[in-house]
Amino acid sequence: MTYRLLAVAEEELAAAAIWYETQASGLGGEFLDEFEAVMERIMQSPNAWKRVGFRHRRCLLRRFPYGVLYSLSGTDIRVSGVIDLRRDPQRTEQRMKDAL
């Protein structure tokens, strides 16, 4: 099983890593490491995480207040968003609609 980030998710991931790096040297890299750990967990058990909406699921990062919004497409995992959970929850709903 593999995963693919949509362009918007890739932008969110990069923006979050840059922001964390500005907060403390090395923290951006730790954020990216945590993201990779989450993706490993998702690939091992893609149906284990909470369903949000009809076709999406969300897996939370353990150390950072972010969630990975994804859907399954055959044997691939399509990452629709790397969502900052401190933001407006309507944003997650809009992302799910945009990802259809």
PDB file of N, CA and C in Angstrom:
ATOM      1  N   MET A   1       0.838  -1.175   0.000  1.00  0.00           N
ATOM      2  CA  MET A   1       0.000   0.000   0.000  1.00  0.00           C
ATOM      3  C   MET A   1       0.888   1.245   0.000  1.00  0.00           C
ATOM      4  N   THR A   2       0.485   2.249  -0.747  1.00  0.00           N
ATOM      5  CA  THR A   2       1.225   3.500  -0.830  1.00  0.00           C
ATOM      6  C   THR A   2       0.291   4.663  -0.528  1.00  0.00           C
ATOM      7  N   TYR A   3       0.874   5.840  -0.339  1.00  0.00           N
ATOM      8  CA  TYR A   3       0.036   7.017  -0.160  1.00  0.00           C
ATOM      9  C   TYR A   3       0.468   8.121  -1.100  1.00  0.00           C
ATOM     10  N   ARG A   4      -0.482   8.992  -1.386  1.00  0.00           N
ATOM     11  CA  ARG A   4      -0.258  10.125  -2.277  1.00  0.00           C
ATOM     12  C   ARG A   4      -0.894  11.351  -1.647  1.00  0.00           C
ATOM     13  N   LEU A   5      -0.148  12.428  -1.585  1.00  0.00           N
ATOM     14  CA  LEU A   5      -0.672  13.684  -1.054  1.00  0.00           C
ATOM     15  C   LEU A   5      -1.237  14.517  -2.192  1.00  0.00           C
ATOM     16  N   LEU A   6      -2.454  14.999  -2.021  1.00  0.00           N
ATOM     17  CA  LEU A   6      -2.983  15.969  -2.966  1.00  0.00           C
ATOM     18  C   LEU A   6      -2.184  17.259  -2.790  1.00  0.00           C
ATOM     19  N   ALA A   7      -2.187  18.106  -3.801  1.00  0.00           N
ATOM     20  CA  ALA A   7      -1.382  19.329  -3.766  1.00  0.00           C
ATOM     21  C   ALA A   7      -1.685  20.177  -2.543  1.00  0.00           C
ATOM     22  N   VAL A   8      -2.961  20.307  -2.196  1.00  0.00           N
ATOM     23  CA  VAL A   8      -3.332  21.134  -1.045  1.00  0.00           C
ATOM     24  C   VAL A   8      -2.798  20.538   0.257  1.00  0.00           C
ATOM     25  N   ALA A   9      -2.790  19.221   0.371  1.00  0.00           N
ATOM     26  CA  ALA A   9      -2.256  18.565   1.568  1.00  0.00           C
ATOM     27  C   ALA A   9      -0.746  18.750   1.647  1.00  0.00           C
ATOM     28  N   GLU A  10      -0.095  18.682   0.503  1.00  0.00           N
ATOM     29  CA  GLU A  10       1.348  18.890   0.463  1.00  0.00           C
ATOM     30  C   GLU A  10       1.698  20.314   0.907  1.00  0.00           C
ATOM     31  N   GLU A  11       0.901  21.283   0.469  1.00  0.00           N
ATOM     32  CA  GLU A  11       1.112  22.678   0.872  1.00  0.00           C
ATOM     33  C   GLU A  11       0.898  22.860   2.378  1.00  0.00           C
ATOM     34  N   GLU A  12      -0.142  22.231   2.907  1.00  0.00           N
ATOM     35  CA  GLU A  12      -0.420  22.331   4.346  1.00  0.00           C
ATOM     36  C   GLU A  12       0.697  21.701   5.164  1.00  0.00           C
ATOM     37  N   LEU A  13       1.184  20.552   4.713  1.00  0.00           N
ATOM     38  CA  LEU A  13       2.267  19.864   5.407  1.00  0.00           C
ATOM     39  C   LEU A  13       3.523  20.732   5.429  1.00  0.00           C
ATOM     40  N   ALA A  14       3.871  21.299   4.283  1.00  0.00           N
ATOM     41  CA  ALA A  14       5.061  22.147   4.205  1.00  0.00           C
ATOM     42  C   ALA A  14       4.913  23.399   5.060  1.00  0.00           C
ATOM     43  N   ALA A  15       3.740  24.027   5.017  1.00  0.00           N
ATOM     44  CA  ALA A  15       3.512  25.243   5.802  1.00  0.00           C
ATOM     45  C   ALA A  15       3.617  24.960   7.297  1.00  0.00           C
ATOM     46  N   ALA A  16       3.066  23.838   7.730  1.00  0.00           N
ATOM     47  CA  ALA A  16       3.129  23.489   9.158  1.00  0.00           C
ATOM     48  C   ALA A  16       4.579  23.222   9.576  1.00  0.00           C
ATOM     49  N   ALA A  17       5.316  22.494   8.747  1.00  0.00           N
ATOM     50  CA  ALA A  17       6.714  22.195   9.078  1.00  0.00           C
ATOM     51  C   ALA A  17       7.537  23.484   9.159  1.00  0.00           C
ATOM     52  N   ILE A  18       7.316  24.386   8.232  1.00  0.00           N
ATOM     53  CA  ILE A  18       8.033  25.665   8.251  1.00  0.00           C
ATOM     54  C   ILE A  18       7.677  26.449   9.513  1.00  0.00           C
ATOM     55  N   TRP A  19       6.384  26.492   9.852  1.00  0.00           N
ATOM     56  CA  TRP A  19       5.965  27.235  11.048  1.00  0.00           C
ATOM     57  C   TRP A  19       6.618  26.658  12.301  1.00  0.00           C
ATOM     58  N   TYR A  20       6.600  25.338  12.437  1.00  0.00           N
ATOM     59  CA  TYR A  20       7.207  24.721  13.622  1.00  0.00           C
ATOM     60  C   TYR A  20       8.713  24.971  13.658  1.00  0.00           C
ATOM     61  N   GLU A  21       9.352  24.979  12.504  1.00  0.00           N
ATOM     62  CA  GLU A  21      10.790  25.237  12.464  1.00  0.00           C
ATOM     63  C   GLU A  21      11.108  26.660  12.931  1.00  0.00           C
ATOM     64  N   THR A  22      10.201  27.606  12.664  1.00  0.00           N
ATOM     65  CA  THR A  22      10.420  28.982  13.128  1.00  0.00           C
ATOM     66  C   THR A  22      10.247  29.088  14.641  1.00  0.00           C
ATOM     67  N   GLN A  23       9.537  28.142  15.217  1.00  0.00           N
ATOM     68  CA  GLN A  23       9.312  28.163  16.663  1.00  0.00           C
ATOM     69  C   GLN A  23      10.516  27.627  17.437  1.00  0.00           C
ATOM     70  N   ALA A  24      11.160  26.606  16.876  1.00  0.00           N
ATOM     71  CA  ALA A  24      12.346  26.023  17.516  1.00  0.00           C
ATOM     72  C   ALA A  24      13.109  25.229  16.465  1.00  0.00           C
ATOM     73  N   SER A  25      14.402  25.375  16.446  1.00  0.00           N
ATOM     74  CA  SER A  25      15.238  24.675  15.488  1.00  0.00           C
ATOM     75  C   SER A  25      15.064  23.157  15.633  1.00  0.00           C
ATOM     76  N   GLY A  26      14.776  22.507  14.532  1.00  0.00           N
ATOM     77  CA  GLY A  26      14.592  21.055  14.539  1.00  0.00           C
ATOM     78  C   GLY A  26      13.150  20.609  14.727  1.00  0.00           C
ATOM     79  N   LEU A  27      12.293  21.515  15.188  1.00  0.00           N
ATOM     80  CA  LEU A  27      10.905  21.124  15.454  1.00  0.00           C
ATOM     81  C   LEU A  27      10.142  20.826  14.168  1.00  0.00           C
ATOM     82  N   GLY A  28      10.474  21.518  13.089  1.00  0.00           N
ATOM     83  CA  GLY A  28       9.840  21.230  11.803  1.00  0.00           C
ATOM     84  C   GLY A  28      10.149  19.819  11.339  1.00  0.00           C
ATOM     85  N   GLY A  29      11.373  19.387  11.523  1.00  0.00           N
ATOM     86  CA  GLY A  29      11.756  18.025  11.177  1.00  0.00           C
ATOM     87  C   GLY A  29      11.042  16.995  12.041  1.00  0.00           C
ATOM     88  N   GLU A  30      10.870  17.325  13.311  1.00  0.00           N
ATOM     89  CA  GLU A  30      10.145  16.422  14.207  1.00  0.00           C
ATOM     90  C   GLU A  30       8.682  16.308  13.788  1.00  0.00           C
ATOM     91  N   PHE A  31       8.118  17.419  13.340  1.00  0.00           N
ATOM     92  CA  PHE A  31       6.738  17.387  12.835  1.00  0.00           C
ATOM     93  C   PHE A  31       6.643  16.455  11.624  1.00  0.00           C
ATOM     94  N   LEU A  32       7.587  16.583  10.690  1.00  0.00           N
ATOM     95  CA  LEU A  32       7.573  15.714   9.504  1.00  0.00           C
ATOM     96  C   LEU A  32       7.783  14.251   9.874  1.00  0.00           C
ATOM     97  N   ASP A  33       8.631  13.980  10.865  1.00  0.00           N
ATOM     98  CA  ASP A  33       8.825  12.609  11.345  1.00  0.00           C
ATOM     99  C   ASP A  33       7.525  12.049  11.916  1.00  0.00           C
ATOM    100  N   GLU A  34       6.816  12.872  12.667  1.00  0.00           N
ATOM    101  CA  GLU A  34       5.534  12.439  13.243  1.00  0.00           C
ATOM    102  C   GLU A  34       4.517  12.168  12.136  1.00  0.00           C
ATOM    103  N   PHE A  35       4.517  13.020  11.111  1.00  0.00           N
ATOM    104  CA  PHE A  35       3.622  12.789   9.971  1.00  0.00           C
ATOM    105  C   PHE A  35       3.926  11.435   9.328  1.00  0.00           C
ATOM    106  N   GLU A  36       5.200  11.146   9.106  1.00  0.00           N
ATOM    107  CA  GLU A  36       5.581   9.860   8.503  1.00  0.00           C
ATOM    108  C   GLU A  36       5.158   8.684   9.387  1.00  0.00           C
ATOM    109  N   ALA A  37       5.275   8.836  10.705  1.00  0.00           N
ATOM    110  CA  ALA A  37       4.846   7.777  11.624  1.00  0.00           C
ATOM    111  C   ALA A  37       3.337   7.547  11.511  1.00  0.00           C
ATOM    112  N   VAL A  38       2.578   8.630  11.376  1.00  0.00           N
ATOM    113  CA  VAL A  38       1.128   8.505  11.203  1.00  0.00           C
ATOM    114  C   VAL A  38       0.807   7.786   9.899  1.00  0.00           C
ATOM    115  N   MET A  39       1.519   8.130   8.848  1.00  0.00           N
ATOM    116  CA  MET A  39       1.257   7.481   7.568  1.00  0.00           C
ATOM    117  C   MET A  39       1.593   5.991   7.638  1.00  0.00           C
ATOM    118  N   GLU A  40       2.614   5.621   8.373  1.00  0.00           N
ATOM    119  CA  GLU A  40       2.927   4.192   8.557  1.00  0.00           C
ATOM    120  C   GLU A  40       1.777   3.484   9.272  1.00  0.00           C
ATOM    121  N   ARG A  41       1.235   4.118  10.314  1.00  0.00           N
ATOM    122  CA  ARG A  41       0.093   3.526  11.031  1.00  0.00           C
ATOM    123  C   ARG A  41      -1.118   3.395  10.112  1.00  0.00           C
ATOM    124  N   ILE A  42      -1.382   4.410   9.326  1.00  0.00           N
ATOM    125  CA  ILE A  42      -2.518   4.370   8.405  1.00  0.00           C
ATOM    126  C   ILE A  42      -2.323   3.252   7.382  1.00  0.00           C
ATOM    127  N   MET A  43      -1.126   3.131   6.827  1.00  0.00           N
ATOM    128  CA  MET A  43      -0.890   2.096   5.818  1.00  0.00           C
ATOM    129  C   MET A  43      -1.012   0.690   6.399  1.00  0.00           C
ATOM    130  N   GLN A  44      -0.680   0.535   7.672  1.00  0.00           N
ATOM    131  CA  GLN A  44      -0.804  -0.780   8.306  1.00  0.00           C
ATOM    132  C   GLN A  44      -2.264  -1.145   8.557  1.00  0.00           C
ATOM    133  N   SER A  45      -3.084  -0.156   8.918  1.00  0.00           N
ATOM    134  CA  SER A  45      -4.498  -0.411   9.230  1.00  0.00           C
ATOM    135  C   SER A  45      -5.349   0.751   8.720  1.00  0.00           C
ATOM    136  N   PRO A  46      -5.564   0.846   7.419  1.00  0.00           N
ATOM    137  CA  PRO A  46      -6.239   2.020   6.862  1.00  0.00           C
ATOM    138  C   PRO A  46      -7.687   2.213   7.315  1.00  0.00           C
ATOM    139  N   ASN A  47      -8.358   1.148   7.716  1.00  0.00           N
ATOM    140  CA  ASN A  47      -9.751   1.268   8.134  1.00  0.00           C
ATOM    141  C   ASN A  47      -9.915   1.459   9.644  1.00  0.00           C
ATOM    142  N   ALA A  48      -8.819   1.572  10.361  1.00  0.00           N
ATOM    143  CA  ALA A  48      -8.891   1.640  11.824  1.00  0.00           C
ATOM    144  C   ALA A  48      -9.247   3.023  12.349  1.00  0.00           C
ATOM    145  N   TRP A  49      -9.099   4.057  11.538  1.00  0.00           N
ATOM    146  CA  TRP A  49      -9.242   5.412  12.049  1.00  0.00           C
ATOM    147  C   TRP A  49     -10.644   5.950  11.864  1.00  0.00           C
ATOM    148  N   LYS A  50     -10.946   6.950  12.633  1.00  0.00           N
ATOM    149  CA  LYS A  50     -12.294   7.516  12.695  1.00  0.00           C
ATOM    150  C   LYS A  50     -12.774   8.002  11.325  1.00  0.00           C
ATOM    151  N   ARG A  51     -13.984   7.602  11.005  1.00  0.00           N
ATOM    152  CA  ARG A  51     -14.614   8.031   9.763  1.00  0.00           C
ATOM    153  C   ARG A  51     -15.160   9.444   9.955  1.00  0.00           C
ATOM    154  N   VAL A  52     -14.860  10.302   8.996  1.00  0.00           N
ATOM    155  CA  VAL A  52     -15.417  11.661   8.970  1.00  0.00           C
ATOM    156  C   VAL A  52     -16.014  11.851   7.582  1.00  0.00           C
ATOM    157  N   GLY A  53     -17.308  11.952   7.522  1.00  0.00           N
ATOM    158  CA  GLY A  53     -17.964  12.036   6.229  1.00  0.00           C
ATOM    159  C   GLY A  53     -18.140  10.664   5.617  1.00  0.00           C
ATOM    160  N   PHE A  54     -18.524  10.648   4.370  1.00  0.00           N
ATOM    161  CA  PHE A  54     -18.852   9.397   3.692  1.00  0.00           C
ATOM    162  C   PHE A  54     -17.632   8.575   3.325  1.00  0.00           C
ATOM    163  N   ARG A  55     -16.600   9.206   2.764  1.00  0.00           N
ATOM    164  CA  ARG A  55     -15.465   8.419   2.284  1.00  0.00           C
ATOM    165  C   ARG A  55     -14.140   8.752   2.946  1.00  0.00           C
ATOM    166  N   HIS A  56     -14.116   9.698   3.846  1.00  0.00           N
ATOM    167  CA  HIS A  56     -12.858  10.110   4.467  1.00  0.00           C
ATOM    168  C   HIS A  56     -12.708   9.555   5.883  1.00  0.00           C
ATOM    169  N   ARG A  57     -11.468   9.459   6.283  1.00  0.00           N
ATOM    170  CA  ARG A  57     -11.105   9.095   7.649  1.00  0.00           C
ATOM    171  C   ARG A  57     -10.082  10.097   8.141  1.00  0.00           C
ATOM    172  N   ARG A  58      -9.919  10.150   9.464  1.00  0.00           N
ATOM    173  CA  ARG A  58      -8.957  11.084  10.042  1.00  0.00           C
ATOM    174  C   ARG A  58      -8.143  10.373  11.106  1.00  0.00           C
ATOM    175  N   CYS A  59      -6.831  10.542  11.005  1.00  0.00           N
ATOM    176  CA  CYS A  59      -5.915   9.999  11.990  1.00  0.00           C
ATOM    177  C   CYS A  59      -5.164  11.170  12.612  1.00  0.00           C
ATOM    178  N   LEU A  60      -5.110  11.188  13.931  1.00  0.00           N
ATOM    179  CA  LEU A  60      -4.483  12.303  14.637  1.00  0.00           C
ATOM    180  C   LEU A  60      -2.999  12.058  14.862  1.00  0.00           C
ATOM    181  N   LEU A  61      -2.225  13.126  14.740  1.00  0.00           N
ATOM    182  CA  LEU A  61      -0.824  13.063  15.125  1.00  0.00           C
ATOM    183  C   LEU A  61      -0.775  13.025  16.646  1.00  0.00           C
ATOM    184  N   ARG A  62       0.157  12.333  17.207  1.00  0.00           N
ATOM    185  CA  ARG A  62       0.210  12.183  18.665  1.00  0.00           C
ATOM    186  C   ARG A  62       0.757  13.420  19.357  1.00  0.00           C
ATOM    187  N   ARG A  63       1.781  14.032  18.793  1.00  0.00           N
ATOM    188  CA  ARG A  63       2.475  15.107  19.482  1.00  0.00           C
ATOM    189  C   ARG A  63       2.021  16.504  19.069  1.00  0.00           C
ATOM    190  N   PHE A  64       1.468  16.624  17.891  1.00  0.00           N
ATOM    191  CA  PHE A  64       1.086  17.922  17.344  1.00  0.00           C
ATOM    192  C   PHE A  64      -0.429  17.950  17.121  1.00  0.00           C
ATOM    193  N   PRO A  65      -1.045  19.147  17.210  1.00  0.00           N
ATOM    194  CA  PRO A  65      -2.510  19.227  17.071  1.00  0.00           C
ATOM    195  C   PRO A  65      -2.953  19.231  15.604  1.00  0.00           C
ATOM    196  N   TYR A  66      -2.636  18.163  14.900  1.00  0.00           N
ATOM    197  CA  TYR A  66      -2.981  18.022  13.489  1.00  0.00           C
ATOM    198  C   TYR A  66      -3.633  16.667  13.255  1.00  0.00           C
ATOM    199  N   GLY A  67      -4.439  16.623  12.220  1.00  0.00           N
ATOM    200  CA  GLY A  67      -5.046  15.384  11.784  1.00  0.00           C
ATOM    201  C   GLY A  67      -4.793  15.194  10.299  1.00  0.00           C
ATOM    202  N   VAL A  68      -4.621  13.950   9.897  1.00  0.00           N
ATOM    203  CA  VAL A  68      -4.445  13.615   8.487  1.00  0.00           C
ATOM    204  C   VAL A  68      -5.793  13.146   7.972  1.00  0.00           C
ATOM    205  N   LEU A  69      -6.302  13.859   6.990  1.00  0.00           N
ATOM    206  CA  LEU A  69      -7.578  13.536   6.361  1.00  0.00           C
ATOM    207  C   LEU A  69      -7.271  12.731   5.102  1.00  0.00           C
ATOM    208  N   TYR A  70      -7.829  11.510   5.006  1.00  0.00           N
ATOM    209  CA  TYR A  70      -7.487  10.643   3.886  1.00  0.00           C
ATOM    210  C   TYR A  70      -8.669   9.796   3.463  1.00  0.00           C
ATOM    211  N   SER A  71      -8.546   9.258   2.262  1.00  0.00           N
ATOM    212  CA  SER A  71      -9.533   8.312   1.756  1.00  0.00           C
ATOM    213  C   SER A  71      -8.780   7.181   1.065  1.00  0.00           C
ATOM    214  N   LEU A  72      -9.469   6.073   0.893  1.00  0.00           N
ATOM    215  CA  LEU A  72      -8.872   4.913   0.226  1.00  0.00           C
ATOM    216  C   LEU A  72      -9.301   4.901  -1.232  1.00  0.00           C
ATOM    217  N   SER A  73      -8.356   4.613  -2.097  1.00  0.00           N
ATOM    218  CA  SER A  73      -8.623   4.525  -3.525  1.00  0.00           C
ATOM    219  C   SER A  73      -7.926   3.265  -4.024  1.00  0.00           C
ATOM    220  N   GLY A  74      -8.644   2.170  -4.023  1.00  0.00           N
ATOM    221  CA  GLY A  74      -8.041   0.884  -4.377  1.00  0.00           C
ATOM    222  C   GLY A  74      -7.023   0.496  -3.325  1.00  0.00           C
ATOM    223  N   THR A  75      -5.772   0.342  -3.739  1.00  0.00           N
ATOM    224  CA  THR A  75      -4.714  -0.001  -2.784  1.00  0.00           C
ATOM    225  C   THR A  75      -3.915   1.235  -2.376  1.00  0.00           C
ATOM    226  N   ASP A  76      -4.379   2.395  -2.782  1.00  0.00           N
ATOM    227  CA  ASP A  76      -3.695   3.643  -2.445  1.00  0.00           C
ATOM    228  C   ASP A  76      -4.460   4.429  -1.388  1.00  0.00           C
ATOM    229  N   ILE A  77      -3.710   5.195  -0.637  1.00  0.00           N
ATOM    230  CA  ILE A  77      -4.278   6.121   0.338  1.00  0.00           C
ATOM    231  C   ILE A  77      -4.089   7.519  -0.234  1.00  0.00           C
ATOM    232  N   ARG A  78      -5.170   8.250  -0.344  1.00  0.00           N
ATOM    233  CA  ARG A  78      -5.124   9.605  -0.891  1.00  0.00           C
ATOM    234  C   ARG A  78      -5.283  10.593   0.261  1.00  0.00           C
ATOM    235  N   VAL A  79      -4.233  11.347   0.553  1.00  0.00           N
ATOM    236  CA  VAL A  79      -4.248  12.318   1.647  1.00  0.00           C
ATOM    237  C   VAL A  79      -4.812  13.624   1.111  1.00  0.00           C
ATOM    238  N   SER A  80      -5.968  14.017   1.641  1.00  0.00           N
ATOM    239  CA  SER A  80      -6.666  15.219   1.200  1.00  0.00           C
ATOM    240  C   SER A  80      -6.289  16.439   2.013  1.00  0.00           C
ATOM    241  N   GLY A  81      -5.786  16.223   3.217  1.00  0.00           N
ATOM    242  CA  GLY A  81      -5.453  17.369   4.041  1.00  0.00           C
ATOM    243  C   GLY A  81      -4.595  17.002   5.236  1.00  0.00           C
ATOM    244  N   VAL A  82      -3.817  17.964   5.659  1.00  0.00           N
ATOM    245  CA  VAL A  82      -3.071  17.895   6.914  1.00  0.00           C
ATOM    246  C   VAL A  82      -3.617  19.073   7.712  1.00  0.00           C
ATOM    247  N   ILE A  83      -4.617  18.777   8.523  1.00  0.00           N
ATOM    248  CA  ILE A  83      -5.485  19.787   9.109  1.00  0.00           C
ATOM    249  C   ILE A  83      -5.012  20.214  10.494  1.00  0.00           C
ATOM    250  N   ASP A  84      -4.886  21.512  10.671  1.00  0.00           N
ATOM    251  CA  ASP A  84      -4.588  22.097  11.979  1.00  0.00           C
ATOM    252  C   ASP A  84      -5.885  22.061  12.784  1.00  0.00           C
ATOM    253  N   LEU A  85      -5.937  21.254  13.818  1.00  0.00           N
ATOM    254  CA  LEU A  85      -7.170  21.045  14.582  1.00  0.00           C
ATOM    255  C   LEU A  85      -7.529  22.228  15.473  1.00  0.00           C
ATOM    256  N   ARG A  86      -6.645  23.207  15.558  1.00  0.00           N
ATOM    257  CA  ARG A  86      -6.961  24.403  16.333  1.00  0.00           C
ATOM    258  C   ARG A  86      -7.774  25.391  15.516  1.00  0.00           C
ATOM    259  N   ARG A  87      -7.923  25.134  14.244  1.00  0.00           N
ATOM    260  CA  ARG A  87      -8.669  26.021  13.354  1.00  0.00           C
ATOM    261  C   ARG A  87     -10.138  25.650  13.320  1.00  0.00           C
ATOM    262  N   ASP A  88     -10.889  26.423  12.599  1.00  0.00           N
ATOM    263  CA  ASP A  88     -12.335  26.251  12.447  1.00  0.00           C
ATOM    264  C   ASP A  88     -12.662  24.859  11.885  1.00  0.00           C
ATOM    265  N   PRO A  89     -13.549  24.095  12.544  1.00  0.00           N
ATOM    266  CA  PRO A  89     -13.896  22.755  12.054  1.00  0.00           C
ATOM    267  C   PRO A  89     -14.600  22.776  10.699  1.00  0.00           C
ATOM    268  N   GLN A  90     -15.154  23.901  10.318  1.00  0.00           N
ATOM    269  CA  GLN A  90     -15.796  23.993   9.000  1.00  0.00           C
ATOM    270  C   GLN A  90     -14.779  23.786   7.882  1.00  0.00           C
ATOM    271  N   ARG A  91     -13.540  24.091   8.178  1.00  0.00           N
ATOM    272  CA  ARG A  91     -12.478  23.902   7.193  1.00  0.00           C
ATOM    273  C   ARG A  91     -12.312  22.433   6.809  1.00  0.00           C
ATOM    274  N   THR A  92     -12.419  21.540   7.791  1.00  0.00           N
ATOM    275  CA  THR A  92     -12.322  20.114   7.504  1.00  0.00           C
ATOM    276  C   THR A  92     -13.470  19.676   6.610  1.00  0.00           C
ATOM    277  N   GLU A  93     -14.673  20.142   6.920  1.00  0.00           N
ATOM    278  CA  GLU A  93     -15.834  19.791   6.101  1.00  0.00           C
ATOM    279  C   GLU A  93     -15.657  20.294   4.674  1.00  0.00           C
ATOM    280  N   GLN A  94     -15.162  21.505   4.526  1.00  0.00           N
ATOM    281  CA  GLN A  94     -14.952  22.047   3.180  1.00  0.00           C
ATOM    282  C   GLN A  94     -13.901  21.239   2.431  1.00  0.00           C
ATOM    283  N   ARG A  95     -12.852  20.814   3.128  1.00  0.00           N
ATOM    284  CA  ARG A  95     -11.806  20.018   2.491  1.00  0.00           C
ATOM    285  C   ARG A  95     -12.374  18.704   1.974  1.00  0.00           C
ATOM    286  N   MET A  96     -13.249  18.074   2.730  1.00  0.00           N
ATOM    287  CA  MET A  96     -13.837  16.819   2.292  1.00  0.00           C
ATOM    288  C   MET A  96     -14.673  17.034   1.025  1.00  0.00           C
ATOM    289  N   LYS A  97     -15.409  18.136   0.971  1.00  0.00           N
ATOM    290  CA  LYS A  97     -16.207  18.434  -0.227  1.00  0.00           C
ATOM    291  C   LYS A  97     -15.310  18.715  -1.416  1.00  0.00           C
ATOM    292  N   ASP A  98     -14.239  19.455  -1.200  1.00  0.00           N
ATOM    293  CA  ASP A  98     -13.317  19.804  -2.282  1.00  0.00           C
ATOM    294  C   ASP A  98     -12.601  18.575  -2.821  1.00  0.00           C
ATOM    295  N   ALA A  99     -12.379  17.577  -1.965  1.00  0.00           N
ATOM    296  CA  ALA A  99     -11.601  16.400  -2.346  1.00  0.00           C
ATOM    297  C   ALA A  99     -12.410  15.387  -3.163  1.00  0.00           C
ATOM    298  N   LEU A 100     -13.702  15.565  -3.251  1.00  0.00           N
ATOM    299  CA  LEU A 100     -14.525  14.584  -3.981  1.00  0.00           C
ATOM    300  C   LEU A 100     -14.228  14.537  -5.456  1.00  0.00           C
TER     301      LEU A 100
END
